[in-house]
Amino acid sequence: MVSASLPVTRAVGHGTAKLMPDVDRERAWLLTVDGAPQSYVDLDEPAHLEFEYARRLGHVLDVAAEPGAPLDALHLGGGALTLPRYVAATRPGSRQHVVEVDRELLELVAEELPLPAGAGVTPHAADALAWLGAAPDDSADVLVADVFGGSRVPAHLTTVTYVREAARVLRPGGVYLANLPDAAPFAFLRSQLATLATRFAELVLIAEPGVLRGRRFGNAVLAAAHRPLDVAALSRATAADPFPARVEHGAALRRFIGGARPVRDEDAVPSPEPPAGAFGIG
């Protein structure tokens, strides 16, 4: 059914946001900020994850606990609340906090793409690291980091200080997830894995083979925990996606990290600038 909805454009705190209806799905919307795609949501099917990286984050969320069991989730980076909607739909009764620095963007999403009643999602307009630093110890089962300033991950969310706070807030069996962009030779991605390794014993990397082979710039999903993750289930799920991904862990991932060093505060830099058209929407 073709959507009769009209695009919505509004100046927000960090640029110009646009909500564009999907002509193929009646109540589905794409959110962009300054032309860069940020989120895709289907209000009728909140478990539908359109973006490949979001689907991979969803796969990790699926194996983070028993199917359907509620989670206490913390999301750093809000966008259109795609993953909070997914968790609310697939794990009813979950309690979720979403931290988004752009208050005006949160207001736009609340007005145009409201959450269903009883979703259990509480948004906060705040800086991710500042909010994390004030969060209680052992208060989250999952922490999802999907924070971008424009098209780059902010430098202060890449360091050992940040990872220490994330590990403190997670419960002993908790899982950390991040969406990070990079391209060969993967200096940023390898340094982020090395930084996570300062606090977490188990690491998993999920990415398209073409990205890992250095053929193009793209997103990688990182997962970290103090316990083994269900790599077999993740591998099956990512292999069945429309754009299959590879799951790297163990010795192969240690080889990928190589001699990369953890990121100290004074050495932190944002993720690399994507090449023109890397995340274009046409």
C-alpha atoms as a PDB file:
ATOM      1  CA  MET A   1       0.000   0.000   0.000  1.00  0.00           C
ATOM      2  CA  VAL A   2       1.435   3.376  -0.983  1.00  0.00           C
ATOM      3  CA  SER A   3       1.828   5.768   1.921  1.00  0.00           C
ATOM      4  CA  ALA A   4      -0.105   9.013   1.743  1.00  0.00           C
ATOM      5  CA  SER A   5       2.094  10.556   4.445  1.00  0.00           C
ATOM      6  CA  LEU A   6       4.200  13.591   3.639  1.00  0.00           C
ATOM      7  CA  PRO A   7       7.835  14.176   4.565  1.00  0.00           C
ATOM      8  CA  VAL A   8       8.534  16.180   7.709  1.00  0.00           C
ATOM      9  CA  THR A   9      11.548  18.504   7.861  1.00  0.00           C
ATOM     10  CA  ARG A  10      12.655  20.307  11.009  1.00  0.00           C
ATOM     11  CA  ALA A  11      15.747  22.052  12.344  1.00  0.00           C
ATOM     12  CA  VAL A  12      17.000  20.139  15.377  1.00  0.00           C
ATOM     13  CA  GLY A  13      19.906  20.715  17.723  1.00  0.00           C
ATOM     14  CA  HIS A  14      22.536  19.132  15.482  1.00  0.00           C
ATOM     15  CA  GLY A  15      21.342  19.831  11.956  1.00  0.00           C
ATOM     16  CA  THR A  16      18.264  19.393   9.815  1.00  0.00           C
ATOM     17  CA  ALA A  17      16.185  16.292  10.438  1.00  0.00           C
ATOM     18  CA  LYS A  18      13.886  14.833   7.821  1.00  0.00           C
ATOM     19  CA  LEU A  19      11.329  12.069   8.204  1.00  0.00           C
ATOM     20  CA  MET A  20      10.517  10.468   4.874  1.00  0.00           C
ATOM     21  CA  PRO A  21       7.718   7.914   4.441  1.00  0.00           C
ATOM     22  CA  ASP A  22       8.470   4.573   2.817  1.00  0.00           C
ATOM     23  CA  VAL A  23       6.169   4.235  -0.200  1.00  0.00           C
ATOM     24  CA  ASP A  24       6.149   0.441   0.183  1.00  0.00           C
ATOM     25  CA  ARG A  25       5.226   0.236   3.885  1.00  0.00           C
ATOM     26  CA  GLU A  26       2.229   2.187   5.102  1.00  0.00           C
ATOM     27  CA  ARG A  27       3.562   3.507   8.426  1.00  0.00           C
ATOM     28  CA  ALA A  28       7.310   3.191   7.952  1.00  0.00           C
ATOM     29  CA  TRP A  29       9.697   6.132   8.048  1.00  0.00           C
ATOM     30  CA  LEU A  30      13.331   6.924   7.327  1.00  0.00           C
ATOM     31  CA  LEU A  31      15.006   9.511   9.551  1.00  0.00           C
ATOM     32  CA  THR A  32      17.934  11.469   8.165  1.00  0.00           C
ATOM     33  CA  VAL A  33      19.962  14.274   9.732  1.00  0.00           C
ATOM     34  CA  ASP A  34      21.737  16.553   7.286  1.00  0.00           C
ATOM     35  CA  GLY A  35      21.130  13.917   4.621  1.00  0.00           C
ATOM     36  CA  ALA A  36      22.781  11.054   6.520  1.00  0.00           C
ATOM     37  CA  PRO A  37      20.439   8.117   7.256  1.00  0.00           C
ATOM     38  CA  GLN A  38      19.980   7.698  11.016  1.00  0.00           C
ATOM     39  CA  SER A  39      17.065   5.332  11.603  1.00  0.00           C
ATOM     40  CA  TYR A  40      14.265   3.410   9.946  1.00  0.00           C
ATOM     41  CA  VAL A  41      11.118   2.472  11.834  1.00  0.00           C
ATOM     42  CA  ASP A  42       7.889   0.721  10.933  1.00  0.00           C
ATOM     43  CA  LEU A  43       5.246   1.743  13.450  1.00  0.00           C
ATOM     44  CA  ASP A  44       3.093  -1.265  12.553  1.00  0.00           C
ATOM     45  CA  GLU A  45       5.983  -3.749  12.697  1.00  0.00           C
ATOM     46  CA  PRO A  46       8.469  -2.540  15.321  1.00  0.00           C
ATOM     47  CA  ALA A  47      10.410  -5.810  15.077  1.00  0.00           C
ATOM     48  CA  HIS A  48      11.245  -5.037  11.425  1.00  0.00           C
ATOM     49  CA  LEU A  49      14.865  -3.888  11.168  1.00  0.00           C
ATOM     50  CA  GLU A  50      15.573  -2.393   7.754  1.00  0.00           C
ATOM     51  CA  PHE A  51      19.217  -1.364   8.088  1.00  0.00           C
ATOM     52  CA  GLU A  52      21.715  -4.206   8.010  1.00  0.00           C
ATOM     53  CA  TYR A  53      23.681  -2.974  11.019  1.00  0.00           C
ATOM     54  CA  ALA A  54      20.448  -2.677  13.016  1.00  0.00           C
ATOM     55  CA  ARG A  55      19.536  -6.239  12.087  1.00  0.00           C
ATOM     56  CA  ARG A  56      22.923  -7.417  13.350  1.00  0.00           C
ATOM     57  CA  LEU A  57      22.491  -5.536  16.604  1.00  0.00           C
ATOM     58  CA  GLY A  58      19.079  -7.187  16.839  1.00  0.00           C
ATOM     59  CA  HIS A  59      20.650 -10.620  16.439  1.00  0.00           C
ATOM     60  CA  VAL A  60      22.955  -9.932  19.400  1.00  0.00           C
ATOM     61  CA  LEU A  61      20.014  -8.686  21.456  1.00  0.00           C
ATOM     62  CA  ASP A  62      18.184 -11.913  20.587  1.00  0.00           C
ATOM     63  CA  VAL A  63      20.945 -14.060  22.136  1.00  0.00           C
ATOM     64  CA  ALA A  64      21.640 -11.760  25.100  1.00  0.00           C
ATOM     65  CA  ALA A  65      19.092 -13.639  27.223  1.00  0.00           C
ATOM     66  CA  GLU A  66      16.459 -16.351  26.928  1.00  0.00           C
ATOM     67  CA  PRO A  67      13.979 -15.635  24.096  1.00  0.00           C
ATOM     68  CA  GLY A  68      11.264 -13.238  25.195  1.00  0.00           C
ATOM     69  CA  ALA A  69      12.795 -12.553  28.612  1.00  0.00           C
ATOM     70  CA  PRO A  70      12.610  -8.850  29.572  1.00  0.00           C
ATOM     71  CA  LEU A  71      15.829  -6.857  29.755  1.00  0.00           C
ATOM     72  CA  ASP A  72      17.008  -3.721  31.472  1.00  0.00           C
ATOM     73  CA  ALA A  73      18.496  -1.927  28.485  1.00  0.00           C
ATOM     74  CA  LEU A  74      20.464   1.289  28.112  1.00  0.00           C
ATOM     75  CA  HIS A  75      20.718   2.836  24.642  1.00  0.00           C
ATOM     76  CA  LEU A  76      23.304   5.533  23.994  1.00  0.00           C
ATOM     77  CA  GLY A  77      22.085   7.351  20.904  1.00  0.00           C
ATOM     78  CA  GLY A  78      18.400   7.632  20.161  1.00  0.00           C
ATOM     79  CA  GLY A  79      17.574   8.418  16.561  1.00  0.00           C
ATOM     80  CA  ALA A  80      14.022   7.263  15.890  1.00  0.00           C
ATOM     81  CA  LEU A  81      14.254   4.673  18.731  1.00  0.00           C
ATOM     82  CA  THR A  82      14.457   1.731  16.345  1.00  0.00           C
ATOM     83  CA  LEU A  83      16.156  -0.722  18.700  1.00  0.00           C
ATOM     84  CA  PRO A  84      14.193   0.295  21.812  1.00  0.00           C
ATOM     85  CA  ARG A  85      11.027  -0.415  19.798  1.00  0.00           C
ATOM     86  CA  TYR A  86      12.499  -3.763  18.753  1.00  0.00           C
ATOM     87  CA  VAL A  87      13.293  -4.770  22.341  1.00  0.00           C
ATOM     88  CA  ALA A  88       9.851  -3.645  23.537  1.00  0.00           C
ATOM     89  CA  ALA A  89       8.227  -5.808  20.843  1.00  0.00           C
ATOM     90  CA  THR A  90      10.395  -8.899  21.222  1.00  0.00           C
ATOM     91  CA  ARG A  91      10.918  -8.743  24.994  1.00  0.00           C
ATOM     92  CA  PRO A  92       7.742  -7.329  26.573  1.00  0.00           C
ATOM     93  CA  GLY A  93       8.185  -5.935  30.047  1.00  0.00           C
ATOM     94  CA  SER A  94      11.698  -4.653  29.366  1.00  0.00           C
ATOM     95  CA  ARG A  95      12.754  -1.425  31.050  1.00  0.00           C
ATOM     96  CA  GLN A  96      14.736   0.813  28.720  1.00  0.00           C
ATOM     97  CA  HIS A  97      16.514   4.145  28.974  1.00  0.00           C
ATOM     98  CA  VAL A  98      17.546   6.039  25.836  1.00  0.00           C
ATOM     99  CA  VAL A  99      20.152   8.807  26.011  1.00  0.00           C
ATOM    100  CA  GLU A 100      20.167  11.253  23.084  1.00  0.00           C
ATOM    101  CA  VAL A 101      22.081  14.539  23.177  1.00  0.00           C
ATOM    102  CA  ASP A 102      19.729  16.263  20.709  1.00  0.00           C
ATOM    103  CA  ARG A 103      16.617  17.262  22.674  1.00  0.00           C
ATOM    104  CA  GLU A 104      14.880  18.676  19.601  1.00  0.00           C
ATOM    105  CA  LEU A 105      15.347  15.373  17.768  1.00  0.00           C
ATOM    106  CA  LEU A 106      13.774  13.496  20.681  1.00  0.00           C
ATOM    107  CA  GLU A 107      10.840  15.909  20.571  1.00  0.00           C
ATOM    108  CA  LEU A 108      10.388  15.425  16.830  1.00  0.00           C
ATOM    109  CA  VAL A 109      10.364  11.642  17.179  1.00  0.00           C
ATOM    110  CA  ALA A 110       7.944  11.790  20.122  1.00  0.00           C
ATOM    111  CA  GLU A 111       5.550  13.941  18.116  1.00  0.00           C
ATOM    112  CA  GLU A 112       5.710  12.205  14.753  1.00  0.00           C
ATOM    113  CA  LEU A 113       6.612   8.604  15.651  1.00  0.00           C
ATOM    114  CA  PRO A 114       5.150   8.113  19.130  1.00  0.00           C
ATOM    115  CA  LEU A 115       5.924   5.000  21.125  1.00  0.00           C
ATOM    116  CA  PRO A 116       3.013   2.718  21.980  1.00  0.00           C
ATOM    117  CA  ALA A 117       1.532   3.033  25.452  1.00  0.00           C
ATOM    118  CA  GLY A 118       3.343   0.911  28.002  1.00  0.00           C
ATOM    119  CA  ALA A 119       6.474   0.476  25.878  1.00  0.00           C
ATOM    120  CA  GLY A 120       8.668   0.921  28.951  1.00  0.00           C
ATOM    121  CA  VAL A 121      11.057   3.295  27.160  1.00  0.00           C
ATOM    122  CA  THR A 122      12.288   6.454  28.930  1.00  0.00           C
ATOM    123  CA  PRO A 123      14.191   9.012  26.807  1.00  0.00           C
ATOM    124  CA  HIS A 124      16.763  11.396  28.278  1.00  0.00           C
ATOM    125  CA  ALA A 125      18.237  14.467  26.585  1.00  0.00           C
ATOM    126  CA  ALA A 126      21.862  14.301  27.731  1.00  0.00           C
ATOM    127  CA  ASP A 127      25.443  13.617  26.689  1.00  0.00           C
ATOM    128  CA  ALA A 128      26.016   9.869  26.604  1.00  0.00           C
ATOM    129  CA  LEU A 129      29.201   9.797  28.699  1.00  0.00           C
ATOM    130  CA  ALA A 130      27.881  12.251  31.268  1.00  0.00           C
ATOM    131  CA  TRP A 131      24.679  10.222  31.715  1.00  0.00           C
ATOM    132  CA  LEU A 132      26.626   6.973  31.845  1.00  0.00           C
ATOM    133  CA  GLY A 133      28.905   8.359  34.529  1.00  0.00           C
ATOM    134  CA  ALA A 134      25.919   9.048  36.774  1.00  0.00           C
ATOM    135  CA  ALA A 135      24.162   5.704  36.141  1.00  0.00           C
ATOM    136  CA  PRO A 136      24.099   3.134  38.969  1.00  0.00           C
ATOM    137  CA  ASP A 137      26.484   0.188  39.086  1.00  0.00           C
ATOM    138  CA  ASP A 138      25.192  -3.146  37.772  1.00  0.00           C
ATOM    139  CA  SER A 139      21.979  -1.600  36.443  1.00  0.00           C
ATOM    140  CA  ALA A 140      21.795  -2.809  32.823  1.00  0.00           C
ATOM    141  CA  ASP A 141      21.584  -6.183  31.113  1.00  0.00           C
ATOM    142  CA  VAL A 142      22.524  -4.686  27.742  1.00  0.00           C
ATOM    143  CA  LEU A 143      24.144  -1.425  26.695  1.00  0.00           C
ATOM    144  CA  VAL A 144      23.749  -0.430  23.045  1.00  0.00           C
ATOM    145  CA  ALA A 145      26.069   2.308  21.745  1.00  0.00           C
ATOM    146  CA  ASP A 146      24.920   3.827  18.449  1.00  0.00           C
ATOM    147  CA  VAL A 147      26.071   7.411  18.864  1.00  0.00           C
ATOM    148  CA  PHE A 148      27.021   9.625  15.950  1.00  0.00           C
ATOM    149  CA  GLY A 149      27.861  13.293  15.710  1.00  0.00           C
ATOM    150  CA  GLY A 150      26.925  13.729  12.074  1.00  0.00           C
ATOM    151  CA  SER A 151      28.401  10.606  10.489  1.00  0.00           C
ATOM    152  CA  ARG A 152      31.210  10.022  13.035  1.00  0.00           C
ATOM    153  CA  VAL A 153      31.394   8.432  16.474  1.00  0.00           C
ATOM    154  CA  PRO A 154      32.447  11.175  18.945  1.00  0.00           C
ATOM    155  CA  ALA A 155      35.991  10.851  20.274  1.00  0.00           C
ATOM    156  CA  HIS A 156      35.005  10.861  23.967  1.00  0.00           C
ATOM    157  CA  LEU A 157      33.023   7.652  23.418  1.00  0.00           C
ATOM    158  CA  THR A 158      36.041   5.670  22.208  1.00  0.00           C
ATOM    159  CA  THR A 159      38.337   5.592  25.246  1.00  0.00           C
ATOM    160  CA  VAL A 160      39.290   3.352  28.161  1.00  0.00           C
ATOM    161  CA  THR A 161      37.486   5.834  30.440  1.00  0.00           C
ATOM    162  CA  TYR A 162      34.253   5.344  28.514  1.00  0.00           C
ATOM    163  CA  VAL A 163      34.636   1.548  28.436  1.00  0.00           C
ATOM    164  CA  ARG A 164      35.315   1.489  32.165  1.00  0.00           C
ATOM    165  CA  GLU A 165      32.024   3.305  32.783  1.00  0.00           C
ATOM    166  CA  ALA A 166      30.145   1.000  30.417  1.00  0.00           C
ATOM    167  CA  ALA A 167      31.516  -2.073  32.178  1.00  0.00           C
ATOM    168  CA  ARG A 168      30.611  -0.624  35.580  1.00  0.00           C
ATOM    169  CA  VAL A 169      26.976  -0.041  34.580  1.00  0.00           C
ATOM    170  CA  LEU A 170      26.552  -3.504  33.058  1.00  0.00           C
ATOM    171  CA  ARG A 171      25.668  -6.455  35.269  1.00  0.00           C
ATOM    172  CA  PRO A 172      28.165  -9.350  35.404  1.00  0.00           C
ATOM    173  CA  GLY A 173      26.233 -11.262  32.727  1.00  0.00           C
ATOM    174  CA  GLY A 174      25.543  -8.149  30.658  1.00  0.00           C
ATOM    175  CA  VAL A 175      26.362  -7.514  27.007  1.00  0.00           C
ATOM    176  CA  TYR A 176      27.822  -4.386  25.404  1.00  0.00           C
ATOM    177  CA  LEU A 177      26.973  -3.689  21.743  1.00  0.00           C
ATOM    178  CA  ALA A 178      28.283  -0.976  19.428  1.00  0.00           C
ATOM    179  CA  ASN A 179      27.788   0.136  15.849  1.00  0.00           C
ATOM    180  CA  LEU A 180      31.094   1.442  14.467  1.00  0.00           C
ATOM    181  CA  PRO A 181      32.081   2.550  10.942  1.00  0.00           C
ATOM    182  CA  ASP A 182      35.518   1.977   9.400  1.00  0.00           C
ATOM    183  CA  ALA A 183      37.438   0.761   6.376  1.00  0.00           C
ATOM    184  CA  ALA A 184      40.750  -0.984   5.759  1.00  0.00           C
ATOM    185  CA  PRO A 185      43.290  -0.922   7.339  1.00  0.00           C
ATOM    186  CA  PHE A 186      40.802  -0.676  10.254  1.00  0.00           C
ATOM    187  CA  ALA A 187      42.910   1.424  12.615  1.00  0.00           C
ATOM    188  CA  PHE A 188      39.788   2.736  14.357  1.00  0.00           C
ATOM    189  CA  LEU A 189      37.990  -0.601  14.582  1.00  0.00           C
ATOM    190  CA  ARG A 190      41.062  -2.461  15.846  1.00  0.00           C
ATOM    191  CA  SER A 191      41.735   0.217  18.481  1.00  0.00           C
ATOM    192  CA  GLN A 192      38.130  -0.038  19.661  1.00  0.00           C
ATOM    193  CA  LEU A 193      38.414  -3.801  20.045  1.00  0.00           C
ATOM    194  CA  ALA A 194      41.655  -3.347  21.993  1.00  0.00           C
ATOM    195  CA  THR A 195      39.939  -0.778  24.210  1.00  0.00           C
ATOM    196  CA  LEU A 196      36.998  -3.089  24.918  1.00  0.00           C
ATOM    197  CA  ALA A 197      39.452  -5.890  25.731  1.00  0.00           C
ATOM    198  CA  THR A 198      40.690  -3.871  28.722  1.00  0.00           C
ATOM    199  CA  ARG A 199      37.389  -4.669  30.490  1.00  0.00           C
ATOM    200  CA  PHE A 200      35.727  -7.560  28.671  1.00  0.00           C
ATOM    201  CA  ALA A 201      37.002 -11.103  28.205  1.00  0.00           C
ATOM    202  CA  GLU A 202      34.721 -12.038  25.295  1.00  0.00           C
ATOM    203  CA  LEU A 203      34.626 -10.074  22.041  1.00  0.00           C
ATOM    204  CA  VAL A 204      32.685 -10.639  18.820  1.00  0.00           C
ATOM    205  CA  LEU A 205      32.855  -8.710  15.539  1.00  0.00           C
ATOM    206  CA  ILE A 206      30.096  -8.886  12.908  1.00  0.00           C
ATOM    207  CA  ALA A 207      30.581  -7.337   9.466  1.00  0.00           C
ATOM    208  CA  GLU A 208      30.037  -7.964   5.781  1.00  0.00           C
ATOM    209  CA  PRO A 209      32.835  -9.958   4.124  1.00  0.00           C
ATOM    210  CA  GLY A 210      33.355  -7.142   1.615  1.00  0.00           C
ATOM    211  CA  VAL A 211      34.055  -4.684   4.419  1.00  0.00           C
ATOM    212  CA  LEU A 212      36.411  -7.077   6.197  1.00  0.00           C
ATOM    213  CA  ARG A 213      38.293  -7.705   2.946  1.00  0.00           C
ATOM    214  CA  GLY A 214      38.880  -3.984   2.599  1.00  0.00           C
ATOM    215  CA  ARG A 215      36.691  -3.501  -0.448  1.00  0.00           C
ATOM    216  CA  ARG A 216      34.566  -0.720   0.982  1.00  0.00           C
ATOM    217  CA  PHE A 217      33.732   1.469   3.947  1.00  0.00           C
ATOM    218  CA  GLY A 218      30.992   0.085   6.166  1.00  0.00           C
ATOM    219  CA  ASN A 219      29.513  -0.599   9.574  1.00  0.00           C
ATOM    220  CA  ALA A 220      30.725  -3.249  11.971  1.00  0.00           C
ATOM    221  CA  VAL A 221      28.875  -4.446  15.044  1.00  0.00           C
ATOM    222  CA  LEU A 222      30.955  -5.209  18.124  1.00  0.00           C
ATOM    223  CA  ALA A 223      29.704  -7.216  21.088  1.00  0.00           C
ATOM    224  CA  ALA A 224      31.547  -7.600  24.383  1.00  0.00           C
ATOM    225  CA  ALA A 225      30.786  -9.538  27.546  1.00  0.00           C
ATOM    226  CA  HIS A 226      32.335 -11.314  30.500  1.00  0.00           C
ATOM    227  CA  ARG A 227      30.791 -14.593  29.349  1.00  0.00           C
ATOM    228  CA  PRO A 228      30.781 -16.475  26.050  1.00  0.00           C
ATOM    229  CA  LEU A 229      28.146 -15.344  23.577  1.00  0.00           C
ATOM    230  CA  ASP A 230      26.227 -17.786  21.394  1.00  0.00           C
ATOM    231  CA  VAL A 231      28.474 -17.419  18.357  1.00  0.00           C
ATOM    232  CA  ALA A 232      26.849 -20.360  16.556  1.00  0.00           C
ATOM    233  CA  ALA A 233      23.404 -18.750  16.792  1.00  0.00           C
ATOM    234  CA  LEU A 234      24.817 -15.387  15.700  1.00  0.00           C
ATOM    235  CA  SER A 235      26.555 -16.993  12.735  1.00  0.00           C
ATOM    236  CA  ARG A 236      23.360 -18.714  11.615  1.00  0.00           C
ATOM    237  CA  ALA A 237      21.310 -15.539  11.944  1.00  0.00           C
ATOM    238  CA  THR A 238      23.765 -13.272  10.145  1.00  0.00           C
ATOM    239  CA  ALA A 239      24.327 -15.807   7.363  1.00  0.00           C
ATOM    240  CA  ALA A 240      20.579 -15.847   6.673  1.00  0.00           C
ATOM    241  CA  ASP A 241      20.301 -12.063   6.278  1.00  0.00           C
ATOM    242  CA  PRO A 242      19.710 -10.496   2.829  1.00  0.00           C
ATOM    243  CA  PHE A 243      23.312  -9.231   3.023  1.00  0.00           C
ATOM    244  CA  PRO A 244      25.111 -12.022   4.910  1.00  0.00           C
ATOM    245  CA  ALA A 245      27.768 -11.115   7.442  1.00  0.00           C
ATOM    246  CA  ARG A 246      30.712 -12.867   9.011  1.00  0.00           C
ATOM    247  CA  VAL A 247      31.104 -13.403  12.757  1.00  0.00           C
ATOM    248  CA  GLU A 248      34.690 -13.196  13.994  1.00  0.00           C
ATOM    249  CA  HIS A 249      35.774 -14.189  17.506  1.00  0.00           C
ATOM    250  CA  GLY A 250      38.504 -16.000  19.404  1.00  0.00           C
ATOM    251  CA  ALA A 251      41.902 -16.444  17.768  1.00  0.00           C
ATOM    252  CA  ALA A 252      40.792 -14.958  14.434  1.00  0.00           C
ATOM    253  CA  LEU A 253      39.656 -11.790  16.148  1.00  0.00           C
ATOM    254  CA  ARG A 254      42.849 -11.564  18.186  1.00  0.00           C
ATOM    255  CA  ARG A 255      44.793 -11.723  14.923  1.00  0.00           C
ATOM    256  CA  PHE A 256      42.593  -8.960  13.514  1.00  0.00           C
ATOM    257  CA  ILE A 257      43.315  -6.750  16.536  1.00  0.00           C
ATOM    258  CA  GLY A 258      47.046  -7.408  16.152  1.00  0.00           C
ATOM    259  CA  GLY A 259      49.178  -4.799  17.880  1.00  0.00           C
ATOM    260  CA  ALA A 260      46.412  -2.188  18.252  1.00  0.00           C
ATOM    261  CA  ARG A 261      46.533  -0.358  21.559  1.00  0.00           C
ATOM    262  CA  PRO A 262      43.693   0.825  23.820  1.00  0.00           C
ATOM    263  CA  VAL A 263      42.671   4.450  23.314  1.00  0.00           C
ATOM    264  CA  ARG A 264      43.653   6.853  26.086  1.00  0.00           C
ATOM    265  CA  ASP A 265      41.645  10.044  26.594  1.00  0.00           C
ATOM    266  CA  GLU A 266      44.457  12.229  25.275  1.00  0.00           C
ATOM    267  CA  ASP A 267      44.764  10.156  22.083  1.00  0.00           C
ATOM    268  CA  ALA A 268      41.060   9.861  21.257  1.00  0.00           C
ATOM    269  CA  VAL A 269      39.797  10.778  17.798  1.00  0.00           C
ATOM    270  CA  PRO A 270      36.369  10.403  16.186  1.00  0.00           C
ATOM    271  CA  SER A 271      35.662   7.521  13.848  1.00  0.00           C
ATOM    272  CA  PRO A 272      36.866   8.161  10.279  1.00  0.00           C
ATOM    273  CA  GLU A 273      34.905  10.399   7.964  1.00  0.00           C
ATOM    274  CA  PRO A 274      32.950   8.217   5.548  1.00  0.00           C
ATOM    275  CA  PRO A 275      33.707   8.710   1.867  1.00  0.00           C
ATOM    276  CA  ALA A 276      31.176  10.676  -0.178  1.00  0.00           C
ATOM    277  CA  GLY A 277      28.123   8.562  -0.864  1.00  0.00           C
ATOM    278  CA  ALA A 278      29.024   5.810   1.604  1.00  0.00           C
ATOM    279  CA  PHE A 279      25.652   6.063   3.313  1.00  0.00           C
ATOM    280  CA  GLY A 280      23.759   7.920   0.654  1.00  0.00           C
ATOM    281  CA  ILE A 281      20.051   7.433   0.210  1.00  0.00           C
ATOM    282  CA  GLY A 282      19.809   8.414  -3.429  1.00  0.00           C
END
